[in-house]
Amino acid sequence: MALLGWFDKKVVKPKAEALSGLNLKQLLDTHHALKKKLQDAMDGTSPERLDITELSQDNLCAIGKWLYGEGKDLYGHLPAYEDARKVHAELHLCASEVLTQHQIGNEEHAQELLKTKFRTTSSKNQMGFARLFSAAKA
């Protein structure tokens, strides 16, 4: 959450946070919420059932739809776009790995993945999109 706070104070400006249909603050909030959804699923408190197949696909969420649609059309030529796309795909695969471990009964491993690999990948994802926003606005 510290990275999100830093973005709020240093990077995200009230009128400059949207990038052709994608809002940086919403993007960061959405991916932060994914960790909570995974934790709730593992705790048995989730109001929704997460589907591993859907979770692993990076083009089904709102961010992925933007990445493979308008985002690609407008920013696909930027190296930062491809970096953001790759790390976004990695985040989805990591989330599905956490959920898979949970569903097959490897609770300790699922929790460890959530605290380590998912956290690291989530941070890389946030930085990737911050770089894309910066490159697109340059």
N, C-alpha and C. Protein backbone atom coordinates (compact mmCIF):
# COMPACT_ATOMS: atom_id res chain seq x y z
N MET A 1 0.82 -1.19 0.00
CA MET A 1 0.00 0.00 0.00
C MET A 1 0.87 1.26 0.00
N ALA A 2 2.12 1.14 0.42
CA ALA A 2 3.00 2.30 0.45
C ALA A 2 3.22 2.86 -0.95
N LEU A 3 3.35 1.99 -1.93
CA LEU A 3 3.54 2.43 -3.30
C LEU A 3 2.31 3.20 -3.79
N LEU A 4 1.13 2.72 -3.45
CA LEU A 4 -0.10 3.41 -3.83
C LEU A 4 -0.15 4.80 -3.21
N GLY A 5 0.24 4.94 -1.97
CA GLY A 5 0.29 6.25 -1.32
C GLY A 5 1.29 7.18 -1.97
N TRP A 6 2.43 6.64 -2.35
CA TRP A 6 3.44 7.44 -3.03
C TRP A 6 2.89 7.95 -4.36
N PHE A 7 2.22 7.07 -5.12
CA PHE A 7 1.63 7.49 -6.39
C PHE A 7 0.61 8.60 -6.17
N ASP A 8 -0.21 8.44 -5.15
CA ASP A 8 -1.22 9.47 -4.86
C ASP A 8 -0.58 10.82 -4.61
N LYS A 9 0.54 10.84 -3.91
CA LYS A 9 1.17 12.11 -3.54
C LYS A 9 2.10 12.66 -4.61
N LYS A 10 2.82 11.79 -5.30
CA LYS A 10 3.88 12.25 -6.19
C LYS A 10 3.55 12.18 -7.68
N VAL A 11 2.84 11.15 -8.11
CA VAL A 11 2.67 10.92 -9.53
C VAL A 11 1.28 11.30 -10.04
N VAL A 12 0.26 10.86 -9.34
CA VAL A 12 -1.10 11.05 -9.82
C VAL A 12 -1.57 12.46 -9.53
N LYS A 13 -1.83 13.21 -10.59
CA LYS A 13 -2.37 14.55 -10.45
C LYS A 13 -3.85 14.47 -10.77
N PRO A 14 -4.69 15.24 -10.10
CA PRO A 14 -6.13 15.12 -10.30
C PRO A 14 -6.58 15.10 -11.76
N LYS A 15 -6.02 15.94 -12.62
CA LYS A 15 -6.48 15.98 -14.00
C LYS A 15 -5.59 15.17 -14.93
N ALA A 16 -4.51 14.61 -14.43
CA ALA A 16 -3.56 13.92 -15.30
C ALA A 16 -3.53 12.42 -15.05
N GLU A 17 -4.46 11.89 -14.28
CA GLU A 17 -4.38 10.48 -13.93
C GLU A 17 -5.02 9.56 -14.96
N ALA A 18 -5.77 10.06 -15.90
CA ALA A 18 -6.39 9.22 -16.91
C ALA A 18 -5.51 9.19 -18.16
N LEU A 19 -5.44 8.02 -18.75
CA LEU A 19 -4.66 7.82 -19.97
C LEU A 19 -5.56 7.13 -20.98
N SER A 20 -6.23 7.91 -21.80
CA SER A 20 -7.08 7.37 -22.87
C SER A 20 -7.93 6.19 -22.41
N GLY A 21 -8.75 6.42 -21.42
CA GLY A 21 -9.68 5.40 -20.96
C GLY A 21 -9.18 4.56 -19.80
N LEU A 22 -7.97 4.79 -19.34
CA LEU A 22 -7.44 4.03 -18.21
C LEU A 22 -7.02 4.99 -17.12
N ASN A 23 -7.53 4.79 -15.93
CA ASN A 23 -7.26 5.64 -14.79
C ASN A 23 -6.22 4.96 -13.92
N LEU A 24 -5.09 5.60 -13.69
CA LEU A 24 -4.00 5.00 -12.93
C LEU A 24 -4.42 4.65 -11.50
N LYS A 25 -5.12 5.53 -10.84
CA LYS A 25 -5.54 5.25 -9.46
C LYS A 25 -6.46 4.03 -9.42
N GLN A 26 -7.41 3.97 -10.35
CA GLN A 26 -8.32 2.81 -10.39
C GLN A 26 -7.55 1.54 -10.69
N LEU A 27 -6.57 1.62 -11.58
CA LEU A 27 -5.75 0.48 -11.92
C LEU A 27 -5.03 -0.04 -10.68
N LEU A 28 -4.40 0.86 -9.95
CA LEU A 28 -3.67 0.46 -8.75
C LEU A 28 -4.62 -0.10 -7.69
N ASP A 29 -5.77 0.54 -7.53
CA ASP A 29 -6.77 0.06 -6.57
C ASP A 29 -7.28 -1.33 -6.95
N THR A 30 -7.51 -1.53 -8.25
CA THR A 30 -8.03 -2.81 -8.73
C THR A 30 -7.06 -3.95 -8.46
N HIS A 31 -5.80 -3.71 -8.72
CA HIS A 31 -4.85 -4.78 -8.48
C HIS A 31 -4.55 -4.97 -7.00
N HIS A 32 -4.68 -3.93 -6.22
CA HIS A 32 -4.56 -4.09 -4.78
C HIS A 32 -5.73 -4.93 -4.26
N ALA A 33 -6.91 -4.71 -4.82
CA ALA A 33 -8.10 -5.46 -4.41
C ALA A 33 -7.99 -6.94 -4.79
N LEU A 34 -7.22 -7.26 -5.82
CA LEU A 34 -7.05 -8.66 -6.22
C LEU A 34 -6.41 -9.46 -5.10
N LYS A 35 -5.46 -8.89 -4.41
CA LYS A 35 -4.84 -9.59 -3.29
C LYS A 35 -5.87 -9.89 -2.22
N LYS A 36 -6.75 -8.94 -1.94
CA LYS A 36 -7.80 -9.15 -0.94
C LYS A 36 -8.76 -10.25 -1.40
N LYS A 37 -9.10 -10.25 -2.68
CA LYS A 37 -9.99 -11.30 -3.20
C LYS A 37 -9.37 -12.68 -3.03
N LEU A 38 -8.08 -12.77 -3.32
CA LEU A 38 -7.38 -14.05 -3.15
C LEU A 38 -7.37 -14.46 -1.68
N GLN A 39 -7.05 -13.52 -0.80
CA GLN A 39 -7.01 -13.84 0.63
C GLN A 39 -8.39 -14.24 1.13
N ASP A 40 -9.43 -13.53 0.71
CA ASP A 40 -10.79 -13.88 1.10
C ASP A 40 -11.18 -15.27 0.60
N ALA A 41 -10.77 -15.61 -0.62
CA ALA A 41 -11.06 -16.94 -1.15
C ALA A 41 -10.38 -18.01 -0.31
N MET A 42 -9.15 -17.74 0.11
CA MET A 42 -8.42 -18.71 0.92
C MET A 42 -8.99 -18.80 2.34
N ASP A 43 -9.53 -17.68 2.83
CA ASP A 43 -10.13 -17.67 4.17
C ASP A 43 -11.55 -18.23 4.18
N GLY A 44 -12.12 -18.40 2.99
CA GLY A 44 -13.50 -18.87 2.90
C GLY A 44 -14.52 -17.78 3.13
N THR A 45 -14.10 -16.52 3.04
CA THR A 45 -15.01 -15.40 3.30
C THR A 45 -15.39 -14.65 2.03
N SER A 46 -14.97 -15.16 0.88
CA SER A 46 -15.25 -14.47 -0.37
C SER A 46 -16.71 -14.64 -0.78
N PRO A 47 -17.35 -13.53 -1.16
CA PRO A 47 -18.74 -13.63 -1.62
C PRO A 47 -18.83 -14.17 -3.05
N GLU A 48 -17.69 -14.26 -3.73
CA GLU A 48 -17.67 -14.76 -5.10
C GLU A 48 -16.74 -15.95 -5.22
N ARG A 49 -16.99 -16.77 -6.22
CA ARG A 49 -16.11 -17.91 -6.49
C ARG A 49 -15.18 -17.50 -7.62
N LEU A 50 -13.89 -17.51 -7.33
CA LEU A 50 -12.90 -17.16 -8.35
C LEU A 50 -12.62 -18.37 -9.23
N ASP A 51 -12.58 -18.15 -10.52
CA ASP A 51 -12.32 -19.21 -11.49
C ASP A 51 -10.87 -19.11 -11.94
N ILE A 52 -10.12 -20.18 -11.75
CA ILE A 52 -8.69 -20.18 -12.08
C ILE A 52 -8.45 -19.89 -13.56
N THR A 53 -9.26 -20.49 -14.41
CA THR A 53 -9.08 -20.29 -15.85
C THR A 53 -9.27 -18.83 -16.23
N GLU A 54 -10.31 -18.22 -15.72
CA GLU A 54 -10.55 -16.80 -16.01
C GLU A 54 -9.48 -15.93 -15.38
N LEU A 55 -9.11 -16.24 -14.15
CA LEU A 55 -8.12 -15.45 -13.43
C LEU A 55 -6.77 -15.45 -14.15
N SER A 56 -6.43 -16.55 -14.78
CA SER A 56 -5.12 -16.66 -15.44
C SER A 56 -5.05 -15.89 -16.75
N GLN A 57 -6.18 -15.50 -17.29
CA GLN A 57 -6.19 -14.79 -18.58
C GLN A 57 -6.12 -13.28 -18.35
N ASP A 58 -5.11 -12.67 -18.93
CA ASP A 58 -4.87 -11.25 -18.69
C ASP A 58 -5.70 -10.33 -19.58
N ASN A 59 -6.51 -10.88 -20.45
CA ASN A 59 -7.30 -10.05 -21.35
C ASN A 59 -8.77 -9.97 -20.98
N LEU A 60 -9.17 -10.56 -19.86
CA LEU A 60 -10.58 -10.57 -19.47
C LEU A 60 -10.96 -9.47 -18.49
N CYS A 61 -10.01 -8.99 -17.71
CA CYS A 61 -10.31 -7.92 -16.76
C CYS A 61 -10.37 -6.59 -17.51
N ALA A 62 -10.88 -5.57 -16.86
CA ALA A 62 -11.01 -4.26 -17.51
C ALA A 62 -9.66 -3.72 -17.97
N ILE A 63 -8.63 -3.94 -17.19
CA ILE A 63 -7.29 -3.46 -17.55
C ILE A 63 -6.78 -4.23 -18.77
N GLY A 64 -6.98 -5.53 -18.79
CA GLY A 64 -6.56 -6.34 -19.92
C GLY A 64 -7.30 -5.98 -21.19
N LYS A 65 -8.59 -5.71 -21.07
CA LYS A 65 -9.37 -5.30 -22.24
C LYS A 65 -8.82 -3.99 -22.80
N TRP A 66 -8.44 -3.08 -21.91
CA TRP A 66 -7.85 -1.81 -22.36
C TRP A 66 -6.49 -2.07 -23.01
N LEU A 67 -5.69 -2.93 -22.37
CA LEU A 67 -4.35 -3.22 -22.89
C LEU A 67 -4.40 -3.79 -24.31
N TYR A 68 -5.33 -4.69 -24.55
CA TYR A 68 -5.40 -5.36 -25.84
C TYR A 68 -6.29 -4.62 -26.84
N GLY A 69 -6.89 -3.54 -26.41
CA GLY A 69 -7.75 -2.75 -27.28
C GLY A 69 -7.15 -1.37 -27.48
N GLU A 70 -7.80 -0.40 -26.85
CA GLU A 70 -7.40 1.00 -27.01
C GLU A 70 -5.94 1.25 -26.62
N GLY A 71 -5.50 0.64 -25.54
CA GLY A 71 -4.12 0.83 -25.10
C GLY A 71 -3.11 0.37 -26.14
N LYS A 72 -3.36 -0.77 -26.75
CA LYS A 72 -2.45 -1.28 -27.79
C LYS A 72 -2.48 -0.37 -29.01
N ASP A 73 -3.68 0.05 -29.40
CA ASP A 73 -3.80 0.93 -30.57
C ASP A 73 -3.02 2.23 -30.38
N LEU A 74 -3.12 2.79 -29.18
CA LEU A 74 -2.51 4.09 -28.93
C LEU A 74 -1.05 4.03 -28.49
N TYR A 75 -0.70 3.01 -27.72
CA TYR A 75 0.62 2.99 -27.08
C TYR A 75 1.43 1.73 -27.37
N GLY A 76 0.92 0.85 -28.22
CA GLY A 76 1.61 -0.41 -28.53
C GLY A 76 3.00 -0.23 -29.08
N HIS A 77 3.29 0.92 -29.63
CA HIS A 77 4.62 1.21 -30.20
C HIS A 77 5.65 1.53 -29.12
N LEU A 78 5.20 1.81 -27.92
CA LEU A 78 6.12 2.17 -26.83
C LEU A 78 6.69 0.93 -26.15
N PRO A 79 7.99 0.88 -25.90
CA PRO A 79 8.55 -0.25 -25.14
C PRO A 79 7.87 -0.41 -23.78
N ALA A 80 7.48 0.69 -23.16
CA ALA A 80 6.83 0.62 -21.84
C ALA A 80 5.48 -0.09 -21.92
N TYR A 81 4.83 -0.01 -23.08
CA TYR A 81 3.55 -0.72 -23.25
C TYR A 81 3.79 -2.22 -23.14
N GLU A 82 4.76 -2.72 -23.88
CA GLU A 82 5.03 -4.16 -23.87
C GLU A 82 5.47 -4.62 -22.49
N ASP A 83 6.26 -3.82 -21.80
CA ASP A 83 6.66 -4.17 -20.43
C ASP A 83 5.45 -4.26 -19.52
N ALA A 84 4.54 -3.29 -19.61
CA ALA A 84 3.32 -3.30 -18.78
C ALA A 84 2.45 -4.49 -19.13
N ARG A 85 2.32 -4.81 -20.41
CA ARG A 85 1.50 -5.94 -20.83
C ARG A 85 2.06 -7.24 -20.28
N LYS A 86 3.37 -7.41 -20.36
CA LYS A 86 3.99 -8.65 -19.87
C LYS A 86 3.83 -8.82 -18.36
N VAL A 87 4.06 -7.75 -17.62
CA VAL A 87 3.97 -7.88 -16.17
C VAL A 87 2.51 -8.03 -15.73
N HIS A 88 1.58 -7.47 -16.49
CA HIS A 88 0.16 -7.66 -16.20
C HIS A 88 -0.21 -9.14 -16.40
N ALA A 89 0.29 -9.74 -17.48
CA ALA A 89 0.04 -11.16 -17.72
C ALA A 89 0.67 -12.01 -16.61
N GLU A 90 1.85 -11.62 -16.19
CA GLU A 90 2.54 -12.33 -15.10
C GLU A 90 1.74 -12.27 -13.80
N LEU A 91 1.14 -11.12 -13.54
CA LEU A 91 0.33 -10.98 -12.33
C LEU A 91 -0.87 -11.93 -12.36
N HIS A 92 -1.52 -12.04 -13.51
CA HIS A 92 -2.66 -12.95 -13.61
C HIS A 92 -2.23 -14.41 -13.43
N LEU A 93 -1.10 -14.78 -14.01
CA LEU A 93 -0.61 -16.14 -13.84
C LEU A 93 -0.24 -16.42 -12.38
N CYS A 94 0.35 -15.44 -11.74
CA CYS A 94 0.71 -15.59 -10.33
C CYS A 94 -0.54 -15.74 -9.46
N ALA A 95 -1.56 -14.92 -9.72
CA ALA A 95 -2.80 -15.01 -8.96
C ALA A 95 -3.44 -16.39 -9.14
N SER A 96 -3.41 -16.90 -10.37
CA SER A 96 -4.00 -18.23 -10.60
C SER A 96 -3.17 -19.32 -9.92
N GLU A 97 -1.87 -19.11 -9.83
CA GLU A 97 -1.02 -20.07 -9.12
C GLU A 97 -1.36 -20.11 -7.63
N VAL A 98 -1.56 -18.94 -7.05
CA VAL A 98 -1.96 -18.86 -5.63
C VAL A 98 -3.27 -19.61 -5.43
N LEU A 99 -4.26 -19.33 -6.26
CA LEU A 99 -5.57 -19.95 -6.12
C LEU A 99 -5.50 -21.45 -6.37
N THR A 100 -4.69 -21.87 -7.33
CA THR A 100 -4.53 -23.30 -7.60
C THR A 100 -3.98 -24.02 -6.37
N GLN A 101 -2.94 -23.46 -5.77
CA GLN A 101 -2.35 -24.07 -4.58
C GLN A 101 -3.37 -24.17 -3.45
N HIS A 102 -4.17 -23.14 -3.31
CA HIS A 102 -5.24 -23.16 -2.30
C HIS A 102 -6.24 -24.28 -2.59
N GLN A 103 -6.68 -24.35 -3.82
CA GLN A 103 -7.73 -25.31 -4.17
C GLN A 103 -7.27 -26.76 -4.10
N ILE A 104 -5.99 -27.02 -4.26
CA ILE A 104 -5.51 -28.40 -4.14
C ILE A 104 -5.07 -28.73 -2.70
N GLY A 105 -5.27 -27.77 -1.81
CA GLY A 105 -5.03 -28.03 -0.40
C GLY A 105 -3.66 -27.65 0.12
N ASN A 106 -2.86 -27.01 -0.68
CA ASN A 106 -1.53 -26.56 -0.24
C ASN A 106 -1.63 -25.15 0.35
N GLU A 107 -2.30 -25.06 1.49
CA GLU A 107 -2.60 -23.76 2.10
C GLU A 107 -1.35 -22.97 2.46
N GLU A 108 -0.37 -23.64 3.05
CA GLU A 108 0.85 -22.92 3.45
C GLU A 108 1.56 -22.35 2.23
N HIS A 109 1.64 -23.15 1.18
CA HIS A 109 2.31 -22.69 -0.03
C HIS A 109 1.53 -21.55 -0.67
N ALA A 110 0.21 -21.65 -0.68
CA ALA A 110 -0.62 -20.58 -1.24
C ALA A 110 -0.41 -19.27 -0.48
N GLN A 111 -0.37 -19.35 0.85
CA GLN A 111 -0.16 -18.15 1.66
C GLN A 111 1.24 -17.56 1.41
N GLU A 112 2.21 -18.45 1.31
CA GLU A 112 3.59 -18.00 1.06
C GLU A 112 3.69 -17.31 -0.31
N LEU A 113 3.07 -17.90 -1.32
CA LEU A 113 3.07 -17.28 -2.65
C LEU A 113 2.40 -15.91 -2.62
N LEU A 114 1.32 -15.81 -1.89
CA LEU A 114 0.60 -14.53 -1.81
C LEU A 114 1.47 -13.46 -1.14
N LYS A 115 2.21 -13.85 -0.12
CA LYS A 115 3.03 -12.89 0.62
C LYS A 115 4.33 -12.54 -0.10
N THR A 116 4.80 -13.42 -0.97
CA THR A 116 6.09 -13.19 -1.61
C THR A 116 5.95 -12.93 -3.11
N LYS A 117 5.75 -13.98 -3.85
CA LYS A 117 5.72 -13.87 -5.32
C LYS A 117 4.62 -12.93 -5.81
N PHE A 118 3.41 -13.06 -5.26
CA PHE A 118 2.32 -12.19 -5.70
C PHE A 118 2.62 -10.74 -5.35
N ARG A 119 3.11 -10.52 -4.16
CA ARG A 119 3.43 -9.14 -3.74
C ARG A 119 4.48 -8.51 -4.66
N THR A 120 5.54 -9.27 -4.94
CA THR A 120 6.59 -8.78 -5.83
C THR A 120 6.05 -8.51 -7.23
N THR A 121 5.25 -9.43 -7.74
CA THR A 121 4.70 -9.27 -9.08
C THR A 121 3.72 -8.10 -9.13
N SER A 122 2.97 -7.92 -8.08
CA SER A 122 2.03 -6.80 -8.01
C SER A 122 2.78 -5.47 -8.03
N SER A 123 3.88 -5.40 -7.32
CA SER A 123 4.69 -4.18 -7.32
C SER A 123 5.28 -3.93 -8.70
N LYS A 124 5.75 -4.99 -9.37
CA LYS A 124 6.28 -4.85 -10.73
C LYS A 124 5.18 -4.37 -11.68
N ASN A 125 3.97 -4.88 -11.48
CA ASN A 125 2.84 -4.48 -12.30
C ASN A 125 2.54 -2.99 -12.12
N GLN A 126 2.52 -2.54 -10.89
CA GLN A 126 2.26 -1.13 -10.62
C GLN A 126 3.33 -0.24 -11.24
N MET A 127 4.58 -0.64 -11.10
CA MET A 127 5.67 0.15 -11.67
C MET A 127 5.62 0.13 -13.20
N GLY A 128 5.26 -1.01 -13.78
CA GLY A 128 5.14 -1.11 -15.22
C GLY A 128 4.10 -0.14 -15.78
N PHE A 129 2.97 -0.05 -15.10
CA PHE A 129 1.95 0.88 -15.56
C PHE A 129 2.33 2.33 -15.29
N ALA A 130 3.03 2.57 -14.21
CA ALA A 130 3.50 3.93 -13.94
C ALA A 130 4.47 4.37 -15.05
N ARG A 131 5.35 3.46 -15.48
CA ARG A 131 6.26 3.76 -16.58
C ARG A 131 5.51 4.00 -17.89
N LEU A 132 4.47 3.19 -18.11
CA LEU A 132 3.67 3.39 -19.33
C LEU A 132 2.99 4.75 -19.31
N PHE A 133 2.41 5.12 -18.17
CA PHE A 133 1.77 6.43 -18.06
C PHE A 133 2.79 7.54 -18.31
N SER A 134 3.97 7.38 -17.75
CA SER A 134 5.01 8.38 -17.91
C SER A 134 5.46 8.48 -19.37
N ALA A 135 5.68 7.35 -20.01
CA ALA A 135 6.13 7.34 -21.40
C ALA A 135 5.05 7.89 -22.33
N ALA A 136 3.80 7.57 -22.05
CA ALA A 136 2.71 8.03 -22.90
C ALA A 136 2.50 9.53 -22.80
N LYS A 137 2.81 10.09 -21.66
CA LYS A 137 2.61 11.52 -21.45
C LYS A 137 3.82 12.34 -21.87
N ALA A 138 4.94 11.66 -22.16
CA ALA A 138 6.18 12.36 -22.55
C ALA A 138 6.07 12.95 -23.95
